């Protein structure tokens, strides 16, 4: 869990996991690319790139 919180004081946020890490699944590709640019950790970057590769590319 996040530091300094317990179950009574923790607010439910569907975009965060129990440990406070961001969920990448519901984000669209524009949001993921913005997050990728802001990220500095290689482990986070690889997770974001993997989530981006799962998105379907639609060409109209």
C-alpha atoms as a PDB file:
ATOM      1  CA  UNK A   1       0.000   0.000   0.000  1.00  0.00           C
ATOM      2  CA  UNK A   2       0.951   3.607  -0.300  1.00  0.00           C
ATOM      3  CA  UNK A   3       3.088   5.018   2.479  1.00  0.00           C
ATOM      4  CA  UNK A   4       1.258   6.442   5.472  1.00  0.00           C
ATOM      5  CA  UNK A   5      -2.169   5.112   4.575  1.00  0.00           C
ATOM      6  CA  UNK A   6      -4.385   2.304   5.703  1.00  0.00           C
ATOM      7  CA  UNK A   7      -7.643   0.873   4.458  1.00  0.00           C
ATOM      8  CA  UNK A   8      -9.754   3.400   6.345  1.00  0.00           C
ATOM      9  CA  UNK A   9      -8.011   6.490   4.991  1.00  0.00           C
ATOM     10  CA  UNK A  10      -7.218   5.244   1.486  1.00  0.00           C
ATOM     11  CA  UNK A  11      -9.527   6.606  -1.212  1.00  0.00           C
ATOM     12  CA  UNK A  12     -10.526   4.206  -3.957  1.00  0.00           C
ATOM     13  CA  UNK A  13      -8.987   5.263  -7.242  1.00  0.00           C
ATOM     14  CA  UNK A  14      -9.648   3.021 -10.213  1.00  0.00           C
ATOM     15  CA  UNK A  15      -6.547   4.320 -12.002  1.00  0.00           C
ATOM     16  CA  UNK A  16      -4.208   3.163  -9.209  1.00  0.00           C
ATOM     17  CA  UNK A  17      -3.411  -0.286  -7.869  1.00  0.00           C
ATOM     18  CA  UNK A  18      -3.428  -1.148  -4.182  1.00  0.00           C
ATOM     19  CA  UNK A  19       0.254  -0.229  -3.940  1.00  0.00           C
ATOM     20  CA  UNK A  20      -0.258   3.149  -5.602  1.00  0.00           C
ATOM     21  CA  UNK A  21       1.123   2.310  -9.043  1.00  0.00           C
ATOM     22  CA  UNK A  22      -0.712   3.545 -12.133  1.00  0.00           C
ATOM     23  CA  UNK A  23      -2.881   1.223 -14.222  1.00  0.00           C
ATOM     24  CA  UNK A  24      -1.959   1.447 -17.890  1.00  0.00           C
ATOM     25  CA  UNK A  25      -4.769  -0.614 -19.397  1.00  0.00           C
ATOM     26  CA  UNK A  26      -7.564   1.956 -19.620  1.00  0.00           C
ATOM     27  CA  UNK A  27      -5.336   4.735 -21.021  1.00  0.00           C
ATOM     28  CA  UNK A  28      -5.498   5.566 -24.719  1.00  0.00           C
ATOM     29  CA  UNK A  29      -2.445   5.831 -26.952  1.00  0.00           C
ATOM     30  CA  UNK A  30      -2.184   9.629 -26.649  1.00  0.00           C
ATOM     31  CA  UNK A  31      -2.166   9.405 -22.867  1.00  0.00           C
ATOM     32  CA  UNK A  32       0.397   6.602 -22.964  1.00  0.00           C
ATOM     33  CA  UNK A  33       2.767   8.556 -25.209  1.00  0.00           C
ATOM     34  CA  UNK A  34       2.501  11.578 -22.898  1.00  0.00           C
ATOM     35  CA  UNK A  35       3.257   9.325 -19.925  1.00  0.00           C
ATOM     36  CA  UNK A  36       6.201   7.816 -21.802  1.00  0.00           C
ATOM     37  CA  UNK A  37       7.709  11.256 -22.402  1.00  0.00           C
ATOM     38  CA  UNK A  38       7.347  12.164 -18.724  1.00  0.00           C
ATOM     39  CA  UNK A  39       8.739   8.861 -17.439  1.00  0.00           C
ATOM     40  CA  UNK A  40      12.376   8.596 -16.392  1.00  0.00           C
ATOM     41  CA  UNK A  41      12.697   5.038 -15.094  1.00  0.00           C
ATOM     42  CA  UNK A  42      13.617   2.353 -17.664  1.00  0.00           C
ATOM     43  CA  UNK A  43      11.297  -0.186 -16.014  1.00  0.00           C
ATOM     44  CA  UNK A  44       8.329   2.182 -16.306  1.00  0.00           C
ATOM     45  CA  UNK A  45       9.226   3.031 -19.902  1.00  0.00           C
ATOM     46  CA  UNK A  46       9.267  -0.626 -20.893  1.00  0.00           C
ATOM     47  CA  UNK A  47       5.835  -1.176 -19.298  1.00  0.00           C
ATOM     48  CA  UNK A  48       4.416   1.821 -21.159  1.00  0.00           C
ATOM     49  CA  UNK A  49       5.929   0.661 -24.467  1.00  0.00           C
ATOM     50  CA  UNK A  50       4.420  -2.784 -23.969  1.00  0.00           C
ATOM     51  CA  UNK A  51       1.013  -1.218 -23.269  1.00  0.00           C
ATOM     52  CA  UNK A  52       1.357   0.920 -26.398  1.00  0.00           C
ATOM     53  CA  UNK A  53       2.154  -2.121 -28.510  1.00  0.00           C
ATOM     54  CA  UNK A  54      -1.062  -3.784 -27.335  1.00  0.00           C
ATOM     55  CA  UNK A  55      -3.169  -0.934 -28.755  1.00  0.00           C
ATOM     56  CA  UNK A  56      -4.527  -1.529 -32.212  1.00  0.00           C
ATOM     57  CA  UNK A  57      -3.403   0.918 -34.866  1.00  0.00           C
ATOM     58  CA  UNK A  58      -6.412   2.030 -36.900  1.00  0.00           C
ATOM     59  CA  UNK A  59      -5.671   3.620 -40.284  1.00  0.00           C
ATOM     60  CA  UNK A  60      -8.655   5.251 -41.985  1.00  0.00           C
END
